[in-house]
Amino acid sequence: MRFILIASAGLWLVAACHGPAQKAGEQQDQVNANLAGQNYTGEGPNERIGESVDRADRAAREARQAAEEATKKQGEAIRRQADVGATRLDEEAKAVRADAAQRAKALSNDARQAPR
């Protein structure tokens, strides 16, 4: 029983490797073999071509995903730079307000001390 489970799991993994183009190529090879009156052996030219197409599709998909991830990271970096810039501006605004308050206080003191 254990061997059957392991064997069926292995078969499932092998079957999962076939992409849609490879499966279509395999079916085409099977049809061609049947039309020619031959037994299909399971490794025809259309299946191999389909496998290549599936590999190319998978590589393109992975490249798109990597580009998407890189774009997301770039967006995060831009947001972080904006946060740093905003924090810097907040600190500058606090300094300007503090300076203005100090100058206003000095002017108030000068106004109180001025002769009337």
PDB file of N, CA and C in Angstrom:
ATOM      1  N   MET A   1       0.832  -1.194   0.000  1.00  0.00           N
ATOM      2  CA  MET A   1       0.000   0.000   0.000  1.00  0.00           C
ATOM      3  C   MET A   1       0.874   1.254   0.000  1.00  0.00           C
ATOM      4  N   ARG A   2       1.923   1.226   0.819  1.00  0.00           N
ATOM      5  CA  ARG A   2       2.816   2.373   0.913  1.00  0.00           C
ATOM      6  C   ARG A   2       3.498   2.632  -0.438  1.00  0.00           C
ATOM      7  N   PHE A   3       3.927   1.566  -1.109  1.00  0.00           N
ATOM      8  CA  PHE A   3       4.575   1.690  -2.409  1.00  0.00           C
ATOM      9  C   PHE A   3       3.622   2.308  -3.428  1.00  0.00           C
ATOM     10  N   ILE A   4       2.374   1.921  -3.372  1.00  0.00           N
ATOM     11  CA  ILE A   4       1.385   2.453  -4.317  1.00  0.00           C
ATOM     12  C   ILE A   4       1.213   3.955  -4.110  1.00  0.00           C
ATOM     13  N   LEU A   5       1.175   4.389  -2.843  1.00  0.00           N
ATOM     14  CA  LEU A   5       1.036   5.816  -2.563  1.00  0.00           C
ATOM     15  C   LEU A   5       2.247   6.594  -3.067  1.00  0.00           C
ATOM     16  N   ILE A   6       3.434   6.063  -2.823  1.00  0.00           N
ATOM     17  CA  ILE A   6       4.653   6.737  -3.276  1.00  0.00           C
ATOM     18  C   ILE A   6       4.701   6.761  -4.799  1.00  0.00           C
ATOM     19  N   ALA A   7       4.375   5.644  -5.424  1.00  0.00           N
ATOM     20  CA  ALA A   7       4.387   5.572  -6.885  1.00  0.00           C
ATOM     21  C   ALA A   7       3.356   6.520  -7.486  1.00  0.00           C
ATOM     22  N   SER A   8       2.169   6.578  -6.889  1.00  0.00           N
ATOM     23  CA  SER A   8       1.144   7.472  -7.433  1.00  0.00           C
ATOM     24  C   SER A   8       1.532   8.934  -7.209  1.00  0.00           C
ATOM     25  N   ALA A   9       2.205   9.228  -6.100  1.00  0.00           N
ATOM     26  CA  ALA A   9       2.673  10.598  -5.866  1.00  0.00           C
ATOM     27  C   ALA A   9       3.734  10.970  -6.893  1.00  0.00           C
ATOM     28  N   GLY A  10       4.633  10.042  -7.184  1.00  0.00           N
ATOM     29  CA  GLY A  10       5.659  10.292  -8.199  1.00  0.00           C
ATOM     30  C   GLY A  10       5.046  10.484  -9.571  1.00  0.00           C
ATOM     31  N   LEU A  11       4.054   9.679  -9.903  1.00  0.00           N
ATOM     32  CA  LEU A  11       3.374   9.809 -11.187  1.00  0.00           C
ATOM     33  C   LEU A  11       2.656  11.150 -11.275  1.00  0.00           C
ATOM     34  N   TRP A  12       2.064  11.564 -10.182  1.00  0.00           N
ATOM     35  CA  TRP A  12       1.374  12.850 -10.150  1.00  0.00           C
ATOM     36  C   TRP A  12       2.367  13.985 -10.395  1.00  0.00           C
ATOM     37  N   LEU A  13       3.543  13.907  -9.788  1.00  0.00           N
ATOM     38  CA  LEU A  13       4.554  14.944  -9.992  1.00  0.00           C
ATOM     39  C   LEU A  13       5.022  14.989 -11.439  1.00  0.00           C
ATOM     40  N   VAL A  14       5.210  13.835 -12.051  1.00  0.00           N
ATOM     41  CA  VAL A  14       5.626  13.792 -13.452  1.00  0.00           C
ATOM     42  C   VAL A  14       4.523  14.365 -14.333  1.00  0.00           C
ATOM     43  N   ALA A  15       3.291  14.024 -14.049  1.00  0.00           N
ATOM     44  CA  ALA A  15       2.169  14.528 -14.844  1.00  0.00           C
ATOM     45  C   ALA A  15       2.020  16.036 -14.663  1.00  0.00           C
ATOM     46  N   ALA A  16       2.335  16.528 -13.477  1.00  0.00           N
ATOM     47  CA  ALA A  16       2.209  17.958 -13.216  1.00  0.00           C
ATOM     48  C   ALA A  16       3.244  18.770 -13.982  1.00  0.00           C
ATOM     49  N   CYS A  17       4.305  18.136 -14.424  1.00  0.00           N
ATOM     50  CA  CYS A  17       5.354  18.840 -15.173  1.00  0.00           C
ATOM     51  C   CYS A  17       4.912  19.176 -16.587  1.00  0.00           C
ATOM     52  N   HIS A  18       3.958  18.450 -17.129  1.00  0.00           N
ATOM     53  CA  HIS A  18       3.502  18.698 -18.496  1.00  0.00           C
ATOM     54  C   HIS A  18       2.676  19.973 -18.516  1.00  0.00           C
ATOM     55  N   GLY A  19       3.124  20.909 -19.340  1.00  0.00           N
ATOM     56  CA  GLY A  19       2.371  22.137 -19.505  1.00  0.00           C
ATOM     57  C   GLY A  19       1.326  21.973 -20.583  1.00  0.00           C
ATOM     58  N   PRO A  20       0.510  22.981 -20.810  1.00  0.00           N
ATOM     59  CA  PRO A  20      -0.565  22.870 -21.797  1.00  0.00           C
ATOM     60  C   PRO A  20      -0.054  22.646 -23.224  1.00  0.00           C
ATOM     61  N   ALA A  21       1.026  23.299 -23.605  1.00  0.00           N
ATOM     62  CA  ALA A  21       1.551  23.107 -24.966  1.00  0.00           C
ATOM     63  C   ALA A  21       2.124  21.706 -25.136  1.00  0.00           C
ATOM     64  N   GLN A  22       2.769  21.208 -24.094  1.00  0.00           N
ATOM     65  CA  GLN A  22       3.325  19.853 -24.169  1.00  0.00           C
ATOM     66  C   GLN A  22       2.196  18.830 -24.262  1.00  0.00           C
ATOM     67  N   LYS A  23       1.149  19.033 -23.480  1.00  0.00           N
ATOM     68  CA  LYS A  23       0.002  18.116 -23.538  1.00  0.00           C
ATOM     69  C   LYS A  23      -0.650  18.147 -24.920  1.00  0.00           C
ATOM     70  N   ALA A  24      -0.792  19.349 -25.471  1.00  0.00           N
ATOM     71  CA  ALA A  24      -1.384  19.466 -26.811  1.00  0.00           C
ATOM     72  C   ALA A  24      -0.493  18.796 -27.848  1.00  0.00           C
ATOM     73  N   GLY A  25       0.814  18.971 -27.718  1.00  0.00           N
ATOM     74  CA  GLY A  25       1.749  18.318 -28.634  1.00  0.00           C
ATOM     75  C   GLY A  25       1.699  16.813 -28.511  1.00  0.00           C
ATOM     76  N   GLU A  26       1.561  16.343 -27.284  1.00  0.00           N
ATOM     77  CA  GLU A  26       1.458  14.898 -27.054  1.00  0.00           C
ATOM     78  C   GLU A  26       0.201  14.348 -27.726  1.00  0.00           C
ATOM     79  N   GLN A  27      -0.904  15.068 -27.572  1.00  0.00           N
ATOM     80  CA  GLN A  27      -2.147  14.626 -28.210  1.00  0.00           C
ATOM     81  C   GLN A  27      -2.007  14.628 -29.734  1.00  0.00           C
ATOM     82  N   GLN A  28      -1.351  15.645 -30.268  1.00  0.00           N
ATOM     83  CA  GLN A  28      -1.143  15.707 -31.718  1.00  0.00           C
ATOM     84  C   GLN A  28      -0.271  14.544 -32.186  1.00  0.00           C
ATOM     85  N   ASP A  29       0.786  14.245 -31.427  1.00  0.00           N
ATOM     86  CA  ASP A  29       1.647  13.112 -31.782  1.00  0.00           C
ATOM     87  C   ASP A  29       0.870  11.802 -31.739  1.00  0.00           C
ATOM     88  N   GLN A  30      -0.010  11.682 -30.752  1.00  0.00           N
ATOM     89  CA  GLN A  30      -0.810  10.466 -30.624  1.00  0.00           C
ATOM     90  C   GLN A  30      -1.758  10.328 -31.821  1.00  0.00           C
ATOM     91  N   VAL A  31      -2.384  11.421 -32.215  1.00  0.00           N
ATOM     92  CA  VAL A  31      -3.282  11.402 -33.375  1.00  0.00           C
ATOM     93  C   VAL A  31      -2.495  11.045 -34.633  1.00  0.00           C
ATOM     94  N   ASN A  32      -1.332  11.665 -34.806  1.00  0.00           N
ATOM     95  CA  ASN A  32      -0.502  11.381 -35.988  1.00  0.00           C
ATOM     96  C   ASN A  32      -0.069   9.918 -36.023  1.00  0.00           C
ATOM     97  N   ALA A  33       0.297   9.373 -34.864  1.00  0.00           N
ATOM     98  CA  ALA A  33       0.710   7.969 -34.802  1.00  0.00           C
ATOM     99  C   ALA A  33      -0.464   7.062 -35.148  1.00  0.00           C
ATOM    100  N   ASN A  34      -1.644   7.374 -34.620  1.00  0.00           N
ATOM    101  CA  ASN A  34      -2.832   6.566 -34.916  1.00  0.00           C
ATOM    102  C   ASN A  34      -3.180   6.620 -36.402  1.00  0.00           C
ATOM    103  N   LEU A  35      -3.069   7.815 -37.000  1.00  0.00           N
ATOM    104  CA  LEU A  35      -3.364   7.949 -38.428  1.00  0.00           C
ATOM    105  C   LEU A  35      -2.360   7.181 -39.284  1.00  0.00           C
ATOM    106  N   ALA A  36      -1.124   7.087 -38.804  1.00  0.00           N
ATOM    107  CA  ALA A  36      -0.083   6.363 -39.543  1.00  0.00           C
ATOM    108  C   ALA A  36      -0.121   4.871 -39.236  1.00  0.00           C
ATOM    109  N   GLY A  37      -1.018   4.477 -38.326  1.00  0.00           N
ATOM    110  CA  GLY A  37      -1.134   3.068 -37.966  1.00  0.00           C
ATOM    111  C   GLY A  37       0.011   2.581 -37.092  1.00  0.00           C
ATOM    112  N   GLN A  38       0.610   3.501 -36.332  1.00  0.00           N
ATOM    113  CA  GLN A  38       1.718   3.136 -35.448  1.00  0.00           C
ATOM    114  C   GLN A  38       1.287   3.287 -33.999  1.00  0.00           C
ATOM    115  N   ASN A  39       2.030   2.617 -33.127  1.00  0.00           N
ATOM    116  CA  ASN A  39       1.810   2.783 -31.690  1.00  0.00           C
ATOM    117  C   ASN A  39       2.513   4.059 -31.236  1.00  0.00           C
ATOM    118  N   TYR A  40       1.847   4.782 -30.381  1.00  0.00           N
ATOM    119  CA  TYR A  40       2.439   6.014 -29.854  1.00  0.00           C
ATOM    120  C   TYR A  40       3.358   5.644 -28.700  1.00  0.00           C
ATOM    121  N   THR A  41       4.611   6.090 -28.757  1.00  0.00           N
ATOM    122  CA  THR A  41       5.598   5.735 -27.729  1.00  0.00           C
ATOM    123  C   THR A  41       5.719   6.778 -26.637  1.00  0.00           C
ATOM    124  N   GLY A  42       5.170   7.946 -26.840  1.00  0.00           N
ATOM    125  CA  GLY A  42       5.158   8.931 -25.755  1.00  0.00           C
ATOM    126  C   GLY A  42       6.212  10.012 -25.833  1.00  0.00           C
ATOM    127  N   GLU A  43       6.976  10.093 -26.884  1.00  0.00           N
ATOM    128  CA  GLU A  43       7.984  11.150 -27.011  1.00  0.00           C
ATOM    129  C   GLU A  43       8.061  11.607 -28.456  1.00  0.00           C
ATOM    130  N   GLY A  44       7.024  12.242 -28.923  1.00  0.00           N
ATOM    131  CA  GLY A  44       7.005  12.683 -30.315  1.00  0.00           C
ATOM    132  C   GLY A  44       7.542  14.098 -30.475  1.00  0.00           C
ATOM    133  N   PRO A  45       7.721  14.531 -31.705  1.00  0.00           N
ATOM    134  CA  PRO A  45       8.288  15.862 -31.963  1.00  0.00           C
ATOM    135  C   PRO A  45       7.388  17.003 -31.483  1.00  0.00           C
ATOM    136  N   ASN A  46       6.091  16.851 -31.644  1.00  0.00           N
ATOM    137  CA  ASN A  46       5.179  17.912 -31.202  1.00  0.00           C
ATOM    138  C   ASN A  46       5.185  18.050 -29.686  1.00  0.00           C
ATOM    139  N   GLU A  47       5.339  16.930 -28.997  1.00  0.00           N
ATOM    140  CA  GLU A  47       5.412  16.978 -27.536  1.00  0.00           C
ATOM    141  C   GLU A  47       6.677  17.716 -27.101  1.00  0.00           C
ATOM    142  N   ARG A  48       7.807  17.424 -27.765  1.00  0.00           N
ATOM    143  CA  ARG A  48       9.065  18.098 -27.421  1.00  0.00           C
ATOM    144  C   ARG A  48       8.983  19.598 -27.731  1.00  0.00           C
ATOM    145  N   ILE A  49       8.366  19.924 -28.863  1.00  0.00           N
ATOM    146  CA  ILE A  49       8.180  21.339 -29.204  1.00  0.00           C
ATOM    147  C   ILE A  49       7.294  22.010 -28.157  1.00  0.00           C
ATOM    148  N   GLY A  50       6.218  21.333 -27.780  1.00  0.00           N
ATOM    149  CA  GLY A  50       5.321  21.873 -26.755  1.00  0.00           C
ATOM    150  C   GLY A  50       6.030  22.074 -25.428  1.00  0.00           C
ATOM    151  N   GLU A  51       6.901  21.138 -25.092  1.00  0.00           N
ATOM    152  CA  GLU A  51       7.666  21.263 -23.848  1.00  0.00           C
ATOM    153  C   GLU A  51       8.560  22.504 -23.908  1.00  0.00           C
ATOM    154  N   SER A  52       9.177  22.733 -25.057  1.00  0.00           N
ATOM    155  CA  SER A  52      10.014  23.929 -25.231  1.00  0.00           C
ATOM    156  C   SER A  52       9.181  25.200 -25.118  1.00  0.00           C
ATOM    157  N   VAL A  53       8.007  25.173 -25.712  1.00  0.00           N
ATOM    158  CA  VAL A  53       7.106  26.327 -25.630  1.00  0.00           C
ATOM    159  C   VAL A  53       6.708  26.575 -24.179  1.00  0.00           C
ATOM    160  N   ASP A  54       6.385  25.501 -23.453  1.00  0.00           N
ATOM    161  CA  ASP A  54       6.020  25.643 -22.041  1.00  0.00           C
ATOM    162  C   ASP A  54       7.173  26.218 -21.224  1.00  0.00           C
ATOM    163  N   ARG A  55       8.401  25.752 -21.512  1.00  0.00           N
ATOM    164  CA  ARG A  55       9.563  26.287 -20.786  1.00  0.00           C
ATOM    165  C   ARG A  55       9.743  27.772 -21.086  1.00  0.00           C
ATOM    166  N   ALA A  56       9.577  28.151 -22.348  1.00  0.00           N
ATOM    167  CA  ALA A  56       9.703  29.563 -22.725  1.00  0.00           C
ATOM    168  C   ALA A  56       8.613  30.399 -22.055  1.00  0.00           C
ATOM    169  N   ASP A  57       7.396  29.878 -22.033  1.00  0.00           N
ATOM    170  CA  ASP A  57       6.294  30.585 -21.369  1.00  0.00           C
ATOM    171  C   ASP A  57       6.568  30.748 -19.882  1.00  0.00           C
ATOM    172  N   ARG A  58       7.062  29.681 -19.267  1.00  0.00           N
ATOM    173  CA  ARG A  58       7.365  29.717 -17.835  1.00  0.00           C
ATOM    174  C   ARG A  58       8.470  30.742 -17.557  1.00  0.00           C
ATOM    175  N   ALA A  59       9.506  30.766 -18.399  1.00  0.00           N
ATOM    176  CA  ALA A  59      10.594  31.729 -18.226  1.00  0.00           C
ATOM    177  C   ALA A  59      10.083  33.160 -18.397  1.00  0.00           C
ATOM    178  N   ALA A  60       9.220  33.372 -19.383  1.00  0.00           N
ATOM    179  CA  ALA A  60       8.654  34.709 -19.604  1.00  0.00           C
ATOM    180  C   ALA A  60       7.788  35.130 -18.422  1.00  0.00           C
ATOM    181  N   ARG A  61       6.997  34.188 -17.897  1.00  0.00           N
ATOM    182  CA  ARG A  61       6.153  34.482 -16.739  1.00  0.00           C
ATOM    183  C   ARG A  61       7.016  34.840 -15.532  1.00  0.00           C
ATOM    184  N   GLU A  62       8.086  34.079 -15.316  1.00  0.00           N
ATOM    185  CA  GLU A  62       8.981  34.365 -14.195  1.00  0.00           C
ATOM    186  C   GLU A  62       9.667  35.714 -14.374  1.00  0.00           C
ATOM    187  N   ALA A  63      10.015  36.054 -15.609  1.00  0.00           N
ATOM    188  CA  ALA A  63      10.631  37.359 -15.878  1.00  0.00           C
ATOM    189  C   ALA A  63       9.644  38.487 -15.598  1.00  0.00           C
ATOM    190  N   ARG A  64       8.380  38.293 -16.002  1.00  0.00           N
ATOM    191  CA  ARG A  64       7.357  39.311 -15.716  1.00  0.00           C
ATOM    192  C   ARG A  64       7.162  39.469 -14.217  1.00  0.00           C
ATOM    193  N   GLN A  65       7.144  38.341 -13.498  1.00  0.00           N
ATOM    194  CA  GLN A  65       6.977  38.411 -12.049  1.00  0.00           C
ATOM    195  C   GLN A  65       8.157  39.121 -11.395  1.00  0.00           C
ATOM    196  N   ALA A  66       9.367  38.846 -11.882  1.00  0.00           N
ATOM    197  CA  ALA A  66      10.551  39.511 -11.339  1.00  0.00           C
ATOM    198  C   ALA A  66      10.501  41.012 -11.630  1.00  0.00           C
ATOM    199  N   ALA A  67      10.070  41.370 -12.833  1.00  0.00           N
ATOM    200  CA  ALA A  67       9.953  42.787 -13.186  1.00  0.00           C
ATOM    201  C   ALA A  67       8.892  43.467 -12.329  1.00  0.00           C
ATOM    202  N   GLU A  68       7.791  42.766 -12.094  1.00  0.00           N
ATOM    203  CA  GLU A  68       6.728  43.310 -11.245  1.00  0.00           C
ATOM    204  C   GLU A  68       7.244  43.532  -9.831  1.00  0.00           C
ATOM    205  N   GLU A  69       7.972  42.565  -9.313  1.00  0.00           N
ATOM    206  CA  GLU A  69       8.535  42.681  -7.965  1.00  0.00           C
ATOM    207  C   GLU A  69       9.529  43.839  -7.901  1.00  0.00           C
ATOM    208  N   ALA A  70      10.352  43.979  -8.936  1.00  0.00           N
ATOM    209  CA  ALA A  70      11.316  45.081  -8.970  1.00  0.00           C
ATOM    210  C   ALA A  70      10.598  46.428  -9.011  1.00  0.00           C
ATOM    211  N   THR A  71       9.509  46.498  -9.759  1.00  0.00           N
ATOM    212  CA  THR A  71       8.734  47.737  -9.834  1.00  0.00           C
ATOM    213  C   THR A  71       8.115  48.064  -8.481  1.00  0.00           C
ATOM    214  N   LYS A  72       7.610  47.038  -7.795  1.00  0.00           N
ATOM    215  CA  LYS A  72       7.048  47.257  -6.454  1.00  0.00           C
ATOM    216  C   LYS A  72       8.122  47.768  -5.497  1.00  0.00           C
ATOM    217  N   LYS A  73       9.306  47.160  -5.559  1.00  0.00           N
ATOM    218  CA  LYS A  73      10.411  47.589  -4.696  1.00  0.00           C
ATOM    219  C   LYS A  73      10.804  49.030  -5.010  1.00  0.00           C
ATOM    220  N   GLN A  74      10.803  49.376  -6.286  1.00  0.00           N
ATOM    221  CA  GLN A  74      11.139  50.739  -6.683  1.00  0.00           C
ATOM    222  C   GLN A  74      10.098  51.715  -6.126  1.00  0.00           C
ATOM    223  N   GLY A  75       8.832  51.329  -6.190  1.00  0.00           N
ATOM    224  CA  GLY A  75       7.769  52.163  -5.626  1.00  0.00           C
ATOM    225  C   GLY A  75       7.927  52.343  -4.125  1.00  0.00           C
ATOM    226  N   GLU A  76       8.295  51.261  -3.427  1.00  0.00           N
ATOM    227  CA  GLU A  76       8.528  51.352  -1.983  1.00  0.00           C
ATOM    228  C   GLU A  76       9.687  52.294  -1.685  1.00  0.00           C
ATOM    229  N   ALA A  77      10.740  52.222  -2.478  1.00  0.00           N
ATOM    230  CA  ALA A  77      11.893  53.098  -2.276  1.00  0.00           C
ATOM    231  C   ALA A  77      11.503  54.560  -2.486  1.00  0.00           C
ATOM    232  N   ILE A  78      10.687  54.822  -3.491  1.00  0.00           N
ATOM    233  CA  ILE A  78      10.229  56.194  -3.748  1.00  0.00           C
ATOM    234  C   ILE A  78       9.390  56.696  -2.580  1.00  0.00           C
ATOM    235  N   ARG A  79       8.504  55.827  -2.052  1.00  0.00           N
ATOM    236  CA  ARG A  79       7.688  56.227  -0.894  1.00  0.00           C
ATOM    237  C   ARG A  79       8.567  56.524   0.316  1.00  0.00           C
ATOM    238  N   ARG A  80       9.582  55.699   0.533  1.00  0.00           N
ATOM    239  CA  ARG A  80      10.482  55.935   1.671  1.00  0.00           C
ATOM    240  C   ARG A  80      11.237  57.250   1.494  1.00  0.00           C
ATOM    241  N   GLN A  81      11.696  57.527   0.268  1.00  0.00           N
ATOM    242  CA  GLN A  81      12.379  58.800   0.017  1.00  0.00           C
ATOM    243  C   GLN A  81      11.431  59.969   0.271  1.00  0.00           C
ATOM    244  N   ALA A  82      10.189  59.815  -0.127  1.00  0.00           N
ATOM    245  CA  ALA A  82       9.196  60.865   0.110  1.00  0.00           C
ATOM    246  C   ALA A  82       8.971  61.057   1.605  1.00  0.00           C
ATOM    247  N   ASP A  83       8.928  59.955   2.361  1.00  0.00           N
ATOM    248  CA  ASP A  83       8.771  60.052   3.815  1.00  0.00           C
ATOM    249  C   ASP A  83       9.943  60.793   4.447  1.00  0.00           C
ATOM    250  N   VAL A  84      11.156  60.484   3.985  1.00  0.00           N
ATOM    251  CA  VAL A  84      12.346  61.169   4.506  1.00  0.00           C
ATOM    252  C   VAL A  84      12.268  62.656   4.177  1.00  0.00           C
ATOM    253  N   GLY A  85      11.900  62.972   2.944  1.00  0.00           N
ATOM    254  CA  GLY A  85      11.767  64.373   2.547  1.00  0.00           C
ATOM    255  C   GLY A  85      10.695  65.088   3.351  1.00  0.00           C
ATOM    256  N   ALA A  86       9.570  64.426   3.585  1.00  0.00           N
ATOM    257  CA  ALA A  86       8.483  65.028   4.360  1.00  0.00           C
ATOM    258  C   ALA A  86       8.915  65.257   5.805  1.00  0.00           C
ATOM    259  N   THR A  87       9.640  64.311   6.375  1.00  0.00           N
ATOM    260  CA  THR A  87      10.134  64.473   7.745  1.00  0.00           C
ATOM    261  C   THR A  87      11.102  65.648   7.817  1.00  0.00           C
ATOM    262  N   ARG A  88      11.983  65.742   6.820  1.00  0.00           N
ATOM    263  CA  ARG A  88      12.940  66.861   6.777  1.00  0.00           C
ATOM    264  C   ARG A  88      12.187  68.189   6.698  1.00  0.00           C
ATOM    265  N   LEU A  89      11.166  68.257   5.854  1.00  0.00           N
ATOM    266  CA  LEU A  89      10.381  69.489   5.732  1.00  0.00           C
ATOM    267  C   LEU A  89       9.638  69.809   7.024  1.00  0.00           C
ATOM    268  N   ASP A  90       9.119  68.778   7.703  1.00  0.00           N
ATOM    269  CA  ASP A  90       8.453  68.994   8.993  1.00  0.00           C
ATOM    270  C   ASP A  90       9.420  69.601  10.002  1.00  0.00           C
ATOM    271  N   GLU A  91      10.643  69.073  10.036  1.00  0.00           N
ATOM    272  CA  GLU A  91      11.643  69.594  10.969  1.00  0.00           C
ATOM    273  C   GLU A  91      12.012  71.034  10.617  1.00  0.00           C
ATOM    274  N   GLU A  92      12.147  71.327   9.330  1.00  0.00           N
ATOM    275  CA  GLU A  92      12.441  72.699   8.907  1.00  0.00           C
ATOM    276  C   GLU A  92      11.296  73.631   9.283  1.00  0.00           C
ATOM    277  N   ALA A  93      10.057  73.165   9.110  1.00  0.00           N
ATOM    278  CA  ALA A  93       8.889  73.980   9.465  1.00  0.00           C
ATOM    279  C   ALA A  93       8.867  74.256  10.966  1.00  0.00           C
ATOM    280  N   LYS A  94       9.194  73.251  11.775  1.00  0.00           N
ATOM    281  CA  LYS A  94       9.255  73.456  13.233  1.00  0.00           C
ATOM    282  C   LYS A  94      10.314  74.496  13.580  1.00  0.00           C
ATOM    283  N   ALA A  95      11.462  74.420  12.917  1.00  0.00           N
ATOM    284  CA  ALA A  95      12.534  75.379  13.186  1.00  0.00           C
ATOM    285  C   ALA A  95      12.111  76.787  12.777  1.00  0.00           C
ATOM    286  N   VAL A  96      11.442  76.926  11.629  1.00  0.00           N
ATOM    287  CA  VAL A  96      10.969  78.238  11.172  1.00  0.00           C
ATOM    288  C   VAL A  96       9.943  78.786  12.154  1.00  0.00           C
ATOM    289  N   ARG A  97       9.021  77.939  12.621  1.00  0.00           N
ATOM    290  CA  ARG A  97       8.008  78.385  13.591  1.00  0.00           C
ATOM    291  C   ARG A  97       8.655  78.814  14.906  1.00  0.00           C
ATOM    292  N   ALA A  98       9.619  78.017  15.356  1.00  0.00           N
ATOM    293  CA  ALA A  98      10.296  78.357  16.613  1.00  0.00           C
ATOM    294  C   ALA A  98      11.043  79.681  16.465  1.00  0.00           C
ATOM    295  N   ASP A  99      11.710  79.892  15.347  1.00  0.00           N
ATOM    296  CA  ASP A  99      12.430  81.145  15.105  1.00  0.00           C
ATOM    297  C   ASP A  99      11.451  82.311  15.044  1.00  0.00           C
ATOM    298  N   ALA A 100      10.329  82.113  14.353  1.00  0.00           N
ATOM    299  CA  ALA A 100       9.322  83.178  14.253  1.00  0.00           C
ATOM    300  C   ALA A 100       8.750  83.502  15.629  1.00  0.00           C
ATOM    301  N   ALA A 101       8.499  82.485  16.440  1.00  0.00           N
ATOM    302  CA  ALA A 101       7.966  82.720  17.788  1.00  0.00           C
ATOM    303  C   ALA A 101       8.981  83.484  18.631  1.00  0.00           C
ATOM    304  N   GLN A 102      10.246  83.126  18.505  1.00  0.00           N
ATOM    305  CA  GLN A 102      11.293  83.802  19.272  1.00  0.00           C
ATOM    306  C   GLN A 102      11.422  85.261  18.829  1.00  0.00           C
ATOM    307  N   ARG A 103      11.380  85.517  17.531  1.00  0.00           N
ATOM    308  CA  ARG A 103      11.472  86.893  17.029  1.00  0.00           C
ATOM    309  C   ARG A 103      10.246  87.704  17.439  1.00  0.00           C
ATOM    310  N   ALA A 104       9.067  87.076  17.414  1.00  0.00           N
ATOM    311  CA  ALA A 104       7.840  87.773  17.825  1.00  0.00           C
ATOM    312  C   ALA A 104       7.904  88.123  19.306  1.00  0.00           C
ATOM    313  N   LYS A 105       8.434  87.216  20.109  1.00  0.00           N
ATOM    314  CA  LYS A 105       8.566  87.465  21.547  1.00  0.00           C
ATOM    315  C   LYS A 105       9.548  88.611  21.785  1.00  0.00           C
ATOM    316  N   ALA A 106      10.644  88.619  21.027  1.00  0.00           N
ATOM    317  CA  ALA A 106      11.625  89.695  21.173  1.00  0.00           C
ATOM    318  C   ALA A 106      11.002  91.033  20.782  1.00  0.00           C
ATOM    319  N   LEU A 107      10.221  91.059  19.725  1.00  0.00           N
ATOM    320  CA  LEU A 107       9.559  92.300  19.316  1.00  0.00           C
ATOM    321  C   LEU A 107       8.551  92.750  20.362  1.00  0.00           C
ATOM    322  N   SER A 108       7.841  91.804  20.970  1.00  0.00           N
ATOM    323  CA  SER A 108       6.890  92.149  22.036  1.00  0.00           C
ATOM    324  C   SER A 108       7.622  92.767  23.211  1.00  0.00           C
ATOM    325  N   ASN A 109       8.752  92.165  23.570  1.00  0.00           N
ATOM    326  CA  ASN A 109       9.542  92.698  24.685  1.00  0.00           C
ATOM    327  C   ASN A 109      10.054  94.096  24.349  1.00  0.00           C
ATOM    328  N   ASP A 110      10.514  94.289  23.109  1.00  0.00           N
ATOM    329  CA  ASP A 110      10.995  95.604  22.687  1.00  0.00           C
ATOM    330  C   ASP A 110       9.867  96.629  22.736  1.00  0.00           C
ATOM    331  N   ALA A 111       8.671  96.207  22.335  1.00  0.00           N
ATOM    332  CA  ALA A 111       7.528  97.120  22.330  1.00  0.00           C
ATOM    333  C   ALA A 111       7.159  97.516  23.750  1.00  0.00           C
ATOM    334  N   ARG A 112       7.277  96.619  24.714  1.00  0.00           N
ATOM    335  CA  ARG A 112       6.950  96.929  26.113  1.00  0.00           C
ATOM    336  C   ARG A 112       7.973  97.882  26.719  1.00  0.00           C
ATOM    337  N   GLN A 113       9.206  97.741  26.282  1.00  0.00           N
ATOM    338  CA  GLN A 113      10.272  98.550  26.867  1.00  0.00           C
ATOM    339  C   GLN A 113      10.430  99.903  26.170  1.00  0.00           C
ATOM    340  N   ALA A 114       9.768 100.092  25.081  1.00  0.00           N
ATOM    341  CA  ALA A 114       9.897 101.356  24.346  1.00  0.00           C
ATOM    342  C   ALA A 114       9.263 102.482  25.159  1.00  0.00           C
ATOM    343  N   PRO A 115       9.855 103.675  25.100  1.00  0.00           N
ATOM    344  CA  PRO A 115       9.259 104.798  25.837  1.00  0.00           C
ATOM    345  C   PRO A 115       7.902 105.168  25.239  1.00  0.00           C
ATOM    346  N   ARG A 116       7.063 105.562  26.139  1.00  0.00           N
ATOM    347  CA  ARG A 116       5.704 105.882  25.699  1.00  0.00           C
ATOM    348  C   ARG A 116       5.472 107.332  25.673  1.00  0.00           C
TER     349      ARG A 116
END
